Every structure is written in C-alpha cells, then in structure tokens.
Amino acid sequence: MEAAQAVRALGAIANESRLAVFRLLVSIGPDGLPAGTLAEMLDIAPSALSFHLKDLTHSGLLVQRPDGRRIIYSASFSTMNALLAYLTENCCQGQDCGVGTGMSCSKTA
C-alpha cells in the first residue's frame, strides 16, 4: 500500500459514523448489508449515510455490488489487511513482538 492510499483510508475512518459503519460491516463479513439496513442499525439518516458510504467506498475500504434494486455494501478485507500491514511493517524494528496476537509492541528479554 502506498502512503497516499493509507492516508485516504485513515481519513475515511477518522469520523465516528464512518468508523461505526466500517466496524459493523467488518463484523457482518463478506455478505455485507444494504444501505437501508445500515441506516436502521446505526440510526443514521439515509442522506448522511449516503455521504459516509461514498467516502468509505472512495477510500477503498468498502465495496459495493448491485442486488436487484438495492446496493449491498461490504468491507474490503484486502484493503483493510493492506492498511494494517502498512501500519505495522516496521513495528519493533522488524523483531517479532506479537502484533496481531493481542500483545503489545514492546521488546522483552
């Protein structure tokens, strides 16, 4: 992942509503949800949700697919994983520090 892509993705989730949308869709998995269901579950006005979905999709964190008359949104796990890898690639100067296992990034003897 390039730095500009990381900045765009981090900027997209640097909002409480967009972060809530992304986290919900990550928990739902690859099947995703239609916009109307997202709006109901998160109690976000449809017009505001549309703005947030556009920003998250533009950043690459969400993908959309048609389903009849609805649009289904789901998290882009490949983009999420690329962002996590970008953020942790130089962690602990390349030493194994347990990132991803719930352990803190600190060296122990």
PDB file of N, CA and C in Angstrom:
ATOM      1  N   MET A   1       0.854  -1.171   0.000  1.00  0.00           N
ATOM      2  CA  MET A   1       0.000   0.000   0.000  1.00  0.00           C
ATOM      3  C   MET A   1       0.899   1.233   0.000  1.00  0.00           C
ATOM      4  N   GLU A   2       0.509   2.185  -0.799  1.00  0.00           N
ATOM      5  CA  GLU A   2       1.226   3.453  -0.875  1.00  0.00           C
ATOM      6  C   GLU A   2       0.785   4.374   0.268  1.00  0.00           C
ATOM      7  N   ALA A   3       1.636   5.320   0.614  1.00  0.00           N
ATOM      8  CA  ALA A   3       1.325   6.251   1.702  1.00  0.00           C
ATOM      9  C   ALA A   3       0.034   7.030   1.421  1.00  0.00           C
ATOM     10  N   ALA A   4      -0.158   7.457   0.178  1.00  0.00           N
ATOM     11  CA  ALA A   4      -1.364   8.225  -0.162  1.00  0.00           C
ATOM     12  C   ALA A   4      -2.631   7.392   0.041  1.00  0.00           C
ATOM     13  N   GLN A   5      -2.565   6.103  -0.275  1.00  0.00           N
ATOM     14  CA  GLN A   5      -3.719   5.223  -0.061  1.00  0.00           C
ATOM     15  C   GLN A   5      -3.990   5.066   1.431  1.00  0.00           C
ATOM     16  N   ALA A   6      -2.935   4.932   2.225  1.00  0.00           N
ATOM     17  CA  ALA A   6      -3.097   4.790   3.675  1.00  0.00           C
ATOM     18  C   ALA A   6      -3.729   6.045   4.265  1.00  0.00           C
ATOM     19  N   VAL A   7      -3.271   7.200   3.826  1.00  0.00           N
ATOM     20  CA  VAL A   7      -3.834   8.464   4.317  1.00  0.00           C
ATOM     21  C   VAL A   7      -5.303   8.565   3.959  1.00  0.00           C
ATOM     22  N   ARG A   8      -5.661   8.171   2.743  1.00  0.00           N
ATOM     23  CA  ARG A   8      -7.055   8.229   2.314  1.00  0.00           C
ATOM     24  C   ARG A   8      -7.926   7.288   3.160  1.00  0.00           C
ATOM     25  N   ALA A   9      -7.432   6.082   3.417  1.00  0.00           N
ATOM     26  CA  ALA A   9      -8.192   5.115   4.221  1.00  0.00           C
ATOM     27  C   ALA A   9      -8.318   5.584   5.667  1.00  0.00           C
ATOM     28  N   LEU A  10      -7.225   6.063   6.237  1.00  0.00           N
ATOM     29  CA  LEU A  10      -7.278   6.538   7.624  1.00  0.00           C
ATOM     30  C   LEU A  10      -8.181   7.767   7.749  1.00  0.00           C
ATOM     31  N   GLY A  11      -8.134   8.632   6.752  1.00  0.00           N
ATOM     32  CA  GLY A  11      -9.014   9.802   6.750  1.00  0.00           C
ATOM     33  C   GLY A  11     -10.476   9.405   6.679  1.00  0.00           C
ATOM     34  N   ALA A  12     -10.760   8.353   5.932  1.00  0.00           N
ATOM     35  CA  ALA A  12     -12.149   7.910   5.790  1.00  0.00           C
ATOM     36  C   ALA A  12     -12.714   7.383   7.103  1.00  0.00           C
ATOM     37  N   ILE A  13     -11.897   6.720   7.907  1.00  0.00           N
ATOM     38  CA  ILE A  13     -12.409   6.182   9.175  1.00  0.00           C
ATOM     39  C   ILE A  13     -12.165   7.126  10.347  1.00  0.00           C
ATOM     40  N   ALA A  14     -11.673   8.321  10.049  1.00  0.00           N
ATOM     41  CA  ALA A  14     -11.435   9.312  11.103  1.00  0.00           C
ATOM     42  C   ALA A  14     -12.694  10.125  11.377  1.00  0.00           C
ATOM     43  N   ASN A  15     -13.805   9.430  11.412  1.00  0.00           N
ATOM     44  CA  ASN A  15     -15.103  10.028  11.689  1.00  0.00           C
ATOM     45  C   ASN A  15     -15.907   8.971  12.424  1.00  0.00           C
ATOM     46  N   GLU A  16     -16.601   9.365  13.474  1.00  0.00           N
ATOM     47  CA  GLU A  16     -17.308   8.398  14.318  1.00  0.00           C
ATOM     48  C   GLU A  16     -18.332   7.575  13.543  1.00  0.00           C
ATOM     49  N   SER A  17     -19.095   8.219  12.676  1.00  0.00           N
ATOM     50  CA  SER A  17     -20.121   7.491  11.919  1.00  0.00           C
ATOM     51  C   SER A  17     -19.492   6.543  10.910  1.00  0.00           C
ATOM     52  N   ARG A  18     -18.475   7.008  10.179  1.00  0.00           N
ATOM     53  CA  ARG A  18     -17.831   6.142   9.187  1.00  0.00           C
ATOM     54  C   ARG A  18     -17.110   4.982   9.860  1.00  0.00           C
ATOM     55  N   LEU A  19     -16.505   5.238  11.001  1.00  0.00           N
ATOM     56  CA  LEU A  19     -15.859   4.157  11.737  1.00  0.00           C
ATOM     57  C   LEU A  19     -16.896   3.126  12.177  1.00  0.00           C
ATOM     58  N   ALA A  20     -18.048   3.580  12.635  1.00  0.00           N
ATOM     59  CA  ALA A  20     -19.117   2.664  13.051  1.00  0.00           C
ATOM     60  C   ALA A  20     -19.610   1.828  11.869  1.00  0.00           C
ATOM     61  N   VAL A  21     -19.774   2.450  10.711  1.00  0.00           N
ATOM     62  CA  VAL A  21     -20.196   1.730   9.510  1.00  0.00           C
ATOM     63  C   VAL A  21     -19.165   0.661   9.160  1.00  0.00           C
ATOM     64  N   PHE A  22     -17.902   1.056   9.129  1.00  0.00           N
ATOM     65  CA  PHE A  22     -16.849   0.114   8.748  1.00  0.00           C
ATOM     66  C   PHE A  22     -16.764  -1.045   9.732  1.00  0.00           C
ATOM     67  N   ARG A  23     -16.789  -0.745  11.013  1.00  0.00           N
ATOM     68  CA  ARG A  23     -16.708  -1.815  12.022  1.00  0.00           C
ATOM     69  C   ARG A  23     -17.897  -2.767  11.934  1.00  0.00           C
ATOM     70  N   LEU A  24     -19.089  -2.225  11.694  1.00  0.00           N
ATOM     71  CA  LEU A  24     -20.261  -3.079  11.553  1.00  0.00           C
ATOM     72  C   LEU A  24     -20.109  -3.993  10.347  1.00  0.00           C
ATOM     73  N   LEU A  25     -19.681  -3.431   9.220  1.00  0.00           N
ATOM     74  CA  LEU A  25     -19.539  -4.246   8.020  1.00  0.00           C
ATOM     75  C   LEU A  25     -18.424  -5.280   8.154  1.00  0.00           C
ATOM     76  N   VAL A  26     -17.368  -4.966   8.894  1.00  0.00           N
ATOM     77  CA  VAL A  26     -16.330  -5.962   9.157  1.00  0.00           C
ATOM     78  C   VAL A  26     -16.928  -7.109   9.958  1.00  0.00           C
ATOM     79  N   SER A  27     -17.752  -6.787  10.949  1.00  0.00           N
ATOM     80  CA  SER A  27     -18.343  -7.840  11.780  1.00  0.00           C
ATOM     81  C   SER A  27     -19.359  -8.681  11.006  1.00  0.00           C
ATOM     82  N   ILE A  28     -20.028  -8.101  10.014  1.00  0.00           N
ATOM     83  CA  ILE A  28     -21.020  -8.816   9.207  1.00  0.00           C
ATOM     84  C   ILE A  28     -20.336  -9.804   8.265  1.00  0.00           C
ATOM     85  N   GLY A  29     -19.164  -9.449   7.780  1.00  0.00           N
ATOM     86  CA  GLY A  29     -18.452 -10.334   6.858  1.00  0.00           C
ATOM     87  C   GLY A  29     -18.690  -9.965   5.409  1.00  0.00           C
ATOM     88  N   PRO A  30     -18.258 -10.849   4.502  1.00  0.00           N
ATOM     89  CA  PRO A  30     -18.289 -10.517   3.075  1.00  0.00           C
ATOM     90  C   PRO A  30     -19.679 -10.406   2.458  1.00  0.00           C
ATOM     91  N   ASP A  31     -20.711 -10.903   3.114  1.00  0.00           N
ATOM     92  CA  ASP A  31     -22.058 -10.782   2.558  1.00  0.00           C
ATOM     93  C   ASP A  31     -22.538  -9.340   2.539  1.00  0.00           C
ATOM     94  N   GLY A  32     -22.093  -8.531   3.498  1.00  0.00           N
ATOM     95  CA  GLY A  32     -22.453  -7.123   3.544  1.00  0.00           C
ATOM     96  C   GLY A  32     -23.919  -6.879   3.865  1.00  0.00           C
ATOM     97  N   LEU A  33     -24.305  -5.621   3.738  1.00  0.00           N
ATOM     98  CA  LEU A  33     -25.665  -5.185   4.048  1.00  0.00           C
ATOM     99  C   LEU A  33     -26.086  -4.084   3.082  1.00  0.00           C
ATOM    100  N   PRO A  34     -27.399  -3.973   2.833  1.00  0.00           N
ATOM    101  CA  PRO A  34     -27.881  -2.840   2.043  1.00  0.00           C
ATOM    102  C   PRO A  34     -27.837  -1.553   2.871  1.00  0.00           C
ATOM    103  N   ALA A  35     -27.796  -0.442   2.170  1.00  0.00           N
ATOM    104  CA  ALA A  35     -27.693   0.860   2.833  1.00  0.00           C
ATOM    105  C   ALA A  35     -28.834   1.090   3.814  1.00  0.00           C
ATOM    106  N   GLY A  36     -30.040   0.710   3.445  1.00  0.00           N
ATOM    107  CA  GLY A  36     -31.185   0.928   4.333  1.00  0.00           C
ATOM    108  C   GLY A  36     -31.041   0.199   5.653  1.00  0.00           C
ATOM    109  N   THR A  37     -30.545  -1.010   5.614  1.00  0.00           N
ATOM    110  CA  THR A  37     -30.337  -1.777   6.841  1.00  0.00           C
ATOM    111  C   THR A  37     -29.238  -1.137   7.686  1.00  0.00           C
ATOM    112  N   LEU A  38     -28.177  -0.683   7.030  1.00  0.00           N
ATOM    113  CA  LEU A  38     -27.109   0.012   7.759  1.00  0.00           C
ATOM    114  C   LEU A  38     -27.662   1.251   8.466  1.00  0.00           C
ATOM    115  N   ALA A  39     -28.471   2.027   7.753  1.00  0.00           N
ATOM    116  CA  ALA A  39     -29.047   3.246   8.322  1.00  0.00           C
ATOM    117  C   ALA A  39     -29.875   2.925   9.562  1.00  0.00           C
ATOM    118  N   GLU A  40     -30.686   1.873   9.478  1.00  0.00           N
ATOM    119  CA  GLU A  40     -31.519   1.474  10.620  1.00  0.00           C
ATOM    120  C   GLU A  40     -30.675   0.977  11.790  1.00  0.00           C
ATOM    121  N   MET A  41     -29.717   0.117  11.501  1.00  0.00           N
ATOM    122  CA  MET A  41     -28.911  -0.475  12.569  1.00  0.00           C
ATOM    123  C   MET A  41     -28.072   0.560  13.313  1.00  0.00           C
ATOM    124  N   LEU A  42     -27.602   1.569  12.571  1.00  0.00           N
ATOM    125  CA  LEU A  42     -26.719   2.568  13.173  1.00  0.00           C
ATOM    126  C   LEU A  42     -27.436   3.873  13.510  1.00  0.00           C
ATOM    127  N   ASP A  43     -28.729   3.928  13.209  1.00  0.00           N
ATOM    128  CA  ASP A  43     -29.527   5.132  13.469  1.00  0.00           C
ATOM    129  C   ASP A  43     -28.883   6.368  12.841  1.00  0.00           C
ATOM    130  N   ILE A  44     -28.574   6.236  11.553  1.00  0.00           N
ATOM    131  CA  ILE A  44     -28.001   7.334  10.781  1.00  0.00           C
ATOM    132  C   ILE A  44     -28.994   7.687   9.685  1.00  0.00           C
ATOM    133  N   ALA A  45     -29.253   8.967   9.509  1.00  0.00           N
ATOM    134  CA  ALA A  45     -30.163   9.410   8.451  1.00  0.00           C
ATOM    135  C   ALA A  45     -29.643   8.922   7.095  1.00  0.00           C
ATOM    136  N   PRO A  46     -30.541   8.452   6.225  1.00  0.00           N
ATOM    137  CA  PRO A  46     -30.101   7.930   4.931  1.00  0.00           C
ATOM    138  C   PRO A  46     -29.237   8.900   4.125  1.00  0.00           C
ATOM    139  N   SER A  47     -29.559  10.175   4.152  1.00  0.00           N
ATOM    140  CA  SER A  47     -28.760  11.139   3.388  1.00  0.00           C
ATOM    141  C   SER A  47     -27.345  11.254   3.955  1.00  0.00           C
ATOM    142  N   ALA A  48     -27.220  11.246   5.272  1.00  0.00           N
ATOM    143  CA  ALA A  48     -25.893  11.295   5.893  1.00  0.00           C
ATOM    144  C   ALA A  48     -25.135   9.997   5.630  1.00  0.00           C
ATOM    145  N   LEU A  49     -25.850   8.875   5.703  1.00  0.00           N
ATOM    146  CA  LEU A  49     -25.201   7.586   5.464  1.00  0.00           C
ATOM    147  C   LEU A  49     -24.677   7.514   4.036  1.00  0.00           C
ATOM    148  N   SER A  50     -25.437   8.019   3.091  1.00  0.00           N
ATOM    149  CA  SER A  50     -25.004   8.027   1.691  1.00  0.00           C
ATOM    150  C   SER A  50     -23.667   8.738   1.536  1.00  0.00           C
ATOM    151  N   PHE A  51     -23.513   9.873   2.196  1.00  0.00           N
ATOM    152  CA  PHE A  51     -22.254  10.622   2.174  1.00  0.00           C
ATOM    153  C   PHE A  51     -21.122   9.778   2.753  1.00  0.00           C
ATOM    154  N   HIS A  52     -21.365   9.127   3.883  1.00  0.00           N
ATOM    155  CA  HIS A  52     -20.338   8.321   4.529  1.00  0.00           C
ATOM    156  C   HIS A  52     -19.966   7.102   3.689  1.00  0.00           C
ATOM    157  N   LEU A  53     -20.957   6.456   3.098  1.00  0.00           N
ATOM    158  CA  LEU A  53     -20.690   5.291   2.255  1.00  0.00           C
ATOM    159  C   LEU A  53     -19.864   5.670   1.037  1.00  0.00           C
ATOM    160  N   LYS A  54     -20.146   6.829   0.462  1.00  0.00           N
ATOM    161  CA  LYS A  54     -19.381   7.306  -0.691  1.00  0.00           C
ATOM    162  C   LYS A  54     -17.918   7.509  -0.307  1.00  0.00           C
ATOM    163  N   ASP A  55     -17.676   8.116   0.839  1.00  0.00           N
ATOM    164  CA  ASP A  55     -16.312   8.374   1.290  1.00  0.00           C
ATOM    165  C   ASP A  55     -15.570   7.067   1.567  1.00  0.00           C
ATOM    166  N   LEU A  56     -16.223   6.133   2.244  1.00  0.00           N
ATOM    167  CA  LEU A  56     -15.592   4.846   2.549  1.00  0.00           C
ATOM    168  C   LEU A  56     -15.325   4.038   1.282  1.00  0.00           C
ATOM    169  N   THR A  57     -16.243   4.105   0.324  1.00  0.00           N
ATOM    170  CA  THR A  57     -16.055   3.391  -0.934  1.00  0.00           C
ATOM    171  C   THR A  57     -14.917   4.016  -1.727  1.00  0.00           C
ATOM    172  N   HIS A  58     -14.881   5.339  -1.776  1.00  0.00           N
ATOM    173  CA  HIS A  58     -13.816   6.048  -2.493  1.00  0.00           C
ATOM    174  C   HIS A  58     -12.442   5.723  -1.900  1.00  0.00           C
ATOM    175  N   SER A  59     -12.377   5.520  -0.594  1.00  0.00           N
ATOM    176  CA  SER A  59     -11.102   5.210   0.049  1.00  0.00           C
ATOM    177  C   SER A  59     -10.654   3.774  -0.199  1.00  0.00           C
ATOM    178  N   GLY A  60     -11.573   2.943  -0.692  1.00  0.00           N
ATOM    179  CA  GLY A  60     -11.253   1.539  -0.940  1.00  0.00           C
ATOM    180  C   GLY A  60     -11.584   0.621   0.214  1.00  0.00           C
ATOM    181  N   LEU A  61     -12.079   1.176   1.325  1.00  0.00           N
ATOM    182  CA  LEU A  61     -12.396   0.348   2.489  1.00  0.00           C
ATOM    183  C   LEU A  61     -13.711  -0.410   2.342  1.00  0.00           C
ATOM    184  N   LEU A  62     -14.587   0.061   1.456  1.00  0.00           N
ATOM    185  CA  LEU A  62     -15.846  -0.633   1.192  1.00  0.00           C
ATOM    186  C   LEU A  62     -15.936  -0.956  -0.288  1.00  0.00           C
ATOM    187  N   VAL A  63     -16.650  -2.021  -0.575  1.00  0.00           N
ATOM    188  CA  VAL A  63     -17.006  -2.351  -1.949  1.00  0.00           C
ATOM    189  C   VAL A  63     -18.526  -2.410  -2.005  1.00  0.00           C
ATOM    190  N   GLN A  64     -19.048  -2.160  -3.186  1.00  0.00           N
ATOM    191  CA  GLN A  64     -20.496  -2.195  -3.363  1.00  0.00           C
ATOM    192  C   GLN A  64     -20.828  -3.095  -4.541  1.00  0.00           C
ATOM    193  N   ARG A  65     -21.985  -3.731  -4.454  1.00  0.00           N
ATOM    194  CA  ARG A  65     -22.448  -4.577  -5.552  1.00  0.00           C
ATOM    195  C   ARG A  65     -23.964  -4.446  -5.642  1.00  0.00           C
ATOM    196  N   PRO A  66     -24.490  -4.488  -6.857  1.00  0.00           N
ATOM    197  CA  PRO A  66     -25.942  -4.396  -7.015  1.00  0.00           C
ATOM    198  C   PRO A  66     -26.615  -5.704  -6.616  1.00  0.00           C
ATOM    199  N   ASP A  67     -27.800  -5.577  -6.066  1.00  0.00           N
ATOM    200  CA  ASP A  67     -28.634  -6.724  -5.714  1.00  0.00           C
ATOM    201  C   ASP A  67     -30.073  -6.320  -6.003  1.00  0.00           C
ATOM    202  N   GLY A  68     -30.477  -6.522  -7.245  1.00  0.00           N
ATOM    203  CA  GLY A  68     -31.797  -6.039  -7.656  1.00  0.00           C
ATOM    204  C   GLY A  68     -31.810  -4.528  -7.653  1.00  0.00           C
ATOM    205  N   ARG A  69     -32.723  -3.971  -6.868  1.00  0.00           N
ATOM    206  CA  ARG A  69     -32.829  -2.510  -6.782  1.00  0.00           C
ATOM    207  C   ARG A  69     -31.985  -1.937  -5.646  1.00  0.00           C
ATOM    208  N   ARG A  70     -31.315  -2.803  -4.919  1.00  0.00           N
ATOM    209  CA  ARG A  70     -30.520  -2.350  -3.775  1.00  0.00           C
ATOM    210  C   ARG A  70     -29.027  -2.408  -4.096  1.00  0.00           C
ATOM    211  N   ILE A  71     -28.264  -1.665  -3.326  1.00  0.00           N
ATOM    212  CA  ILE A  71     -26.806  -1.737  -3.370  1.00  0.00           C
ATOM    213  C   ILE A  71     -26.365  -2.361  -2.050  1.00  0.00           C
ATOM    214  N   ILE A  72     -25.565  -3.392  -2.143  1.00  0.00           N
ATOM    215  CA  ILE A  72     -25.031  -4.057  -0.955  1.00  0.00           C
ATOM    216  C   ILE A  72     -23.613  -3.557  -0.724  1.00  0.00           C
ATOM    217  N   TYR A  73     -23.334  -3.143   0.491  1.00  0.00           N
ATOM    218  CA  TYR A  73     -22.004  -2.667   0.874  1.00  0.00           C
ATOM    219  C   TYR A  73     -21.340  -3.697   1.767  1.00  0.00           C
ATOM    220  N   SER A  74     -20.059  -3.919   1.540  1.00  0.00           N
ATOM    221  CA  SER A  74     -19.298  -4.817   2.400  1.00  0.00           C
ATOM    222  C   SER A  74     -17.894  -4.260   2.567  1.00  0.00           C
ATOM    223  N   ALA A  75     -17.251  -4.683   3.638  1.00  0.00           N
ATOM    224  CA  ALA A  75     -15.884  -4.244   3.909  1.00  0.00           C
ATOM    225  C   ALA A  75     -14.943  -4.877   2.895  1.00  0.00           C
ATOM    226  N   SER A  76     -13.953  -4.120   2.478  1.00  0.00           N
ATOM    227  CA  SER A  76     -12.902  -4.656   1.619  1.00  0.00           C
ATOM    228  C   SER A  76     -11.800  -5.171   2.546  1.00  0.00           C
ATOM    229  N   PHE A  77     -11.823  -6.476   2.771  1.00  0.00           N
ATOM    230  CA  PHE A  77     -10.862  -7.068   3.701  1.00  0.00           C
ATOM    231  C   PHE A  77      -9.438  -6.989   3.156  1.00  0.00           C
ATOM    232  N   SER A  78      -9.293  -7.010   1.834  1.00  0.00           N
ATOM    233  CA  SER A  78      -7.954  -6.887   1.265  1.00  0.00           C
ATOM    234  C   SER A  78      -7.373  -5.498   1.545  1.00  0.00           C
ATOM    235  N   THR A  79      -8.192  -4.456   1.428  1.00  0.00           N
ATOM    236  CA  THR A  79      -7.713  -3.105   1.732  1.00  0.00           C
ATOM    237  C   THR A  79      -7.443  -2.956   3.224  1.00  0.00           C
ATOM    238  N   MET A  80      -8.329  -3.496   4.047  1.00  0.00           N
ATOM    239  CA  MET A  80      -8.125  -3.428   5.497  1.00  0.00           C
ATOM    240  C   MET A  80      -6.819  -4.117   5.882  1.00  0.00           C
ATOM    241  N   ASN A  81      -6.582  -5.298   5.343  1.00  0.00           N
ATOM    242  CA  ASN A  81      -5.357  -6.023   5.669  1.00  0.00           C
ATOM    243  C   ASN A  81      -4.121  -5.315   5.140  1.00  0.00           C
ATOM    244  N   ALA A  82      -4.219  -4.706   3.966  1.00  0.00           N
ATOM    245  CA  ALA A  82      -3.098  -3.948   3.421  1.00  0.00           C
ATOM    246  C   ALA A  82      -2.778  -2.741   4.302  1.00  0.00           C
ATOM    247  N   LEU A  83      -3.825  -2.084   4.818  1.00  0.00           N
ATOM    248  CA  LEU A  83      -3.619  -0.945   5.706  1.00  0.00           C
ATOM    249  C   LEU A  83      -2.953  -1.389   7.007  1.00  0.00           C
ATOM    250  N   LEU A  84      -3.436  -2.468   7.571  1.00  0.00           N
ATOM    251  CA  LEU A  84      -2.823  -2.985   8.803  1.00  0.00           C
ATOM    252  C   LEU A  84      -1.361  -3.375   8.570  1.00  0.00           C
ATOM    253  N   ALA A  85      -1.082  -4.004   7.445  1.00  0.00           N
ATOM    254  CA  ALA A  85       0.293  -4.388   7.125  1.00  0.00           C
ATOM    255  C   ALA A  85       1.170  -3.148   6.959  1.00  0.00           C
ATOM    256  N   TYR A  86       0.630  -2.124   6.287  1.00  0.00           N
ATOM    257  CA  TYR A  86       1.373  -0.877   6.099  1.00  0.00           C
ATOM    258  C   TYR A  86       1.705  -0.236   7.447  1.00  0.00           C
ATOM    259  N   LEU A  87       0.730  -0.227   8.348  1.00  0.00           N
ATOM    260  CA  LEU A  87       0.928   0.410   9.653  1.00  0.00           C
ATOM    261  C   LEU A  87       1.900  -0.357  10.539  1.00  0.00           C
ATOM    262  N   THR A  88       2.026  -1.643  10.344  1.00  0.00           N
ATOM    263  CA  THR A  88       2.852  -2.455  11.242  1.00  0.00           C
ATOM    264  C   THR A  88       4.127  -2.993  10.599  1.00  0.00           C
ATOM    265  N   GLU A  89       4.403  -2.630   9.338  1.00  0.00           N
ATOM    266  CA  GLU A  89       5.542  -3.225   8.655  1.00  0.00           C
ATOM    267  C   GLU A  89       6.888  -2.937   9.319  1.00  0.00           C
ATOM    268  N   ASN A  90       7.028  -1.848  10.019  1.00  0.00           N
ATOM    269  CA  ASN A  90       8.292  -1.530  10.672  1.00  0.00           C
ATOM    270  C   ASN A  90       8.201  -1.627  12.191  1.00  0.00           C
ATOM    271  N   CYS A  91       7.201  -2.318  12.668  1.00  0.00           N
ATOM    272  CA  CYS A  91       6.989  -2.439  14.105  1.00  0.00           C
ATOM    273  C   CYS A  91       8.182  -3.115  14.769  1.00  0.00           C
ATOM    274  N   CYS A  92       8.621  -2.564  15.858  1.00  0.00           N
ATOM    275  CA  CYS A  92       9.689  -3.137  16.686  1.00  0.00           C
ATOM    276  C   CYS A  92      10.947  -3.441  15.881  1.00  0.00           C
ATOM    277  N   GLN A  93      11.237  -2.596  14.910  1.00  0.00           N
ATOM    278  CA  GLN A  93      12.447  -2.723  14.090  1.00  0.00           C
ATOM    279  C   GLN A  93      12.582  -4.111  13.474  1.00  0.00           C
ATOM    280  N   GLY A  94      11.453  -4.689  13.076  1.00  0.00           N
ATOM    281  CA  GLY A  94      11.476  -5.976  12.413  1.00  0.00           C
ATOM    282  C   GLY A  94      11.507  -7.176  13.337  1.00  0.00           C
ATOM    283  N   GLN A  95      11.563  -6.945  14.634  1.00  0.00           N
ATOM    284  CA  GLN A  95      11.572  -8.056  15.588  1.00  0.00           C
ATOM    285  C   GLN A  95      10.151  -8.557  15.808  1.00  0.00           C
ATOM    286  N   ASP A  96      10.006  -9.854  16.077  1.00  0.00           N
ATOM    287  CA  ASP A  96       8.696 -10.411  16.380  1.00  0.00           C
ATOM    288  C   ASP A  96       8.269  -9.896  17.752  1.00  0.00           C
ATOM    289  N   CYS A  97       7.170  -9.151  17.767  1.00  0.00           N
ATOM    290  CA  CYS A  97       6.725  -8.563  19.028  1.00  0.00           C
ATOM    291  C   CYS A  97       5.289  -8.931  19.354  1.00  0.00           C
ATOM    292  N   GLY A  98       4.731  -9.878  18.618  1.00  0.00           N
ATOM    293  CA  GLY A  98       3.386 -10.352  18.925  1.00  0.00           C
ATOM    294  C   GLY A  98       2.275  -9.501  18.365  1.00  0.00           C
ATOM    295  N   VAL A  99       2.541  -8.617  17.407  1.00  0.00           N
ATOM    296  CA  VAL A  99       1.480  -7.819  16.807  1.00  0.00           C
ATOM    297  C   VAL A  99       0.500  -8.772  16.145  1.00  0.00           C
ATOM    298  N   GLY A 100      -0.760  -8.560  16.416  1.00  0.00           N
ATOM    299  CA  GLY A 100      -1.792  -9.427  15.874  1.00  0.00           C
ATOM    300  C   GLY A 100      -2.170 -10.546  16.822  1.00  0.00           C
ATOM    301  N   THR A 101      -1.451 -10.666  17.929  1.00  0.00           N
ATOM    302  CA  THR A 101      -1.771 -11.711  18.892  1.00  0.00           C
ATOM    303  C   THR A 101      -2.310 -11.113  20.182  1.00  0.00           C
ATOM    304  N   GLY A 102      -2.578  -9.801  20.169  1.00  0.00           N
ATOM    305  CA  GLY A 102      -3.120  -9.150  21.357  1.00  0.00           C
ATOM    306  C   GLY A 102      -2.027  -8.670  22.298  1.00  0.00           C
ATOM    307  N   MET A 103      -0.763  -8.918  21.950  1.00  0.00           N
ATOM    308  CA  MET A 103       0.330  -8.493  22.816  1.00  0.00           C
ATOM    309  C   MET A 103       0.775  -7.093  22.403  1.00  0.00           C
ATOM    310  N   SER A 104       1.379  -6.397  23.312  1.00  0.00           N
ATOM    311  CA  SER A 104       1.843  -5.053  22.989  1.00  0.00           C
ATOM    312  C   SER A 104       3.121  -5.114  22.183  1.00  0.00           C
ATOM    313  N   CYS A 105       3.410  -4.045  21.521  1.00  0.00           N
ATOM    314  CA  CYS A 105       4.605  -3.959  20.682  1.00  0.00           C
ATOM    315  C   CYS A 105       5.763  -3.481  21.527  1.00  0.00           C
ATOM    316  N   SER A 106       6.286  -4.326  22.369  1.00  0.00           N
ATOM    317  CA  SER A 106       7.436  -3.968  23.191  1.00  0.00           C
ATOM    318  C   SER A 106       8.365  -5.164  23.297  1.00  0.00           C
ATOM    319  N   LYS A 107       9.646  -4.870  23.394  1.00  0.00           N
ATOM    320  CA  LYS A 107      10.636  -5.936  23.457  1.00  0.00           C
ATOM    321  C   LYS A 107      10.744  -6.453  24.884  1.00  0.00           C
ATOM    322  N   THR A 108      10.844  -7.753  25.000  1.00  0.00           N
ATOM    323  CA  THR A 108      11.056  -8.358  26.305  1.00  0.00           C
ATOM    324  C   THR A 108      12.281  -9.243  26.225  1.00  0.00           C
ATOM    325  N   ALA A 109      12.988  -9.331  27.320  1.00  0.00           N
ATOM    326  CA  ALA A 109      14.221 -10.142  27.323  1.00  0.00           C
ATOM    327  C   ALA A 109      13.932 -11.535  27.801  1.00  0.00           C
TER     328      ALA A 109
END
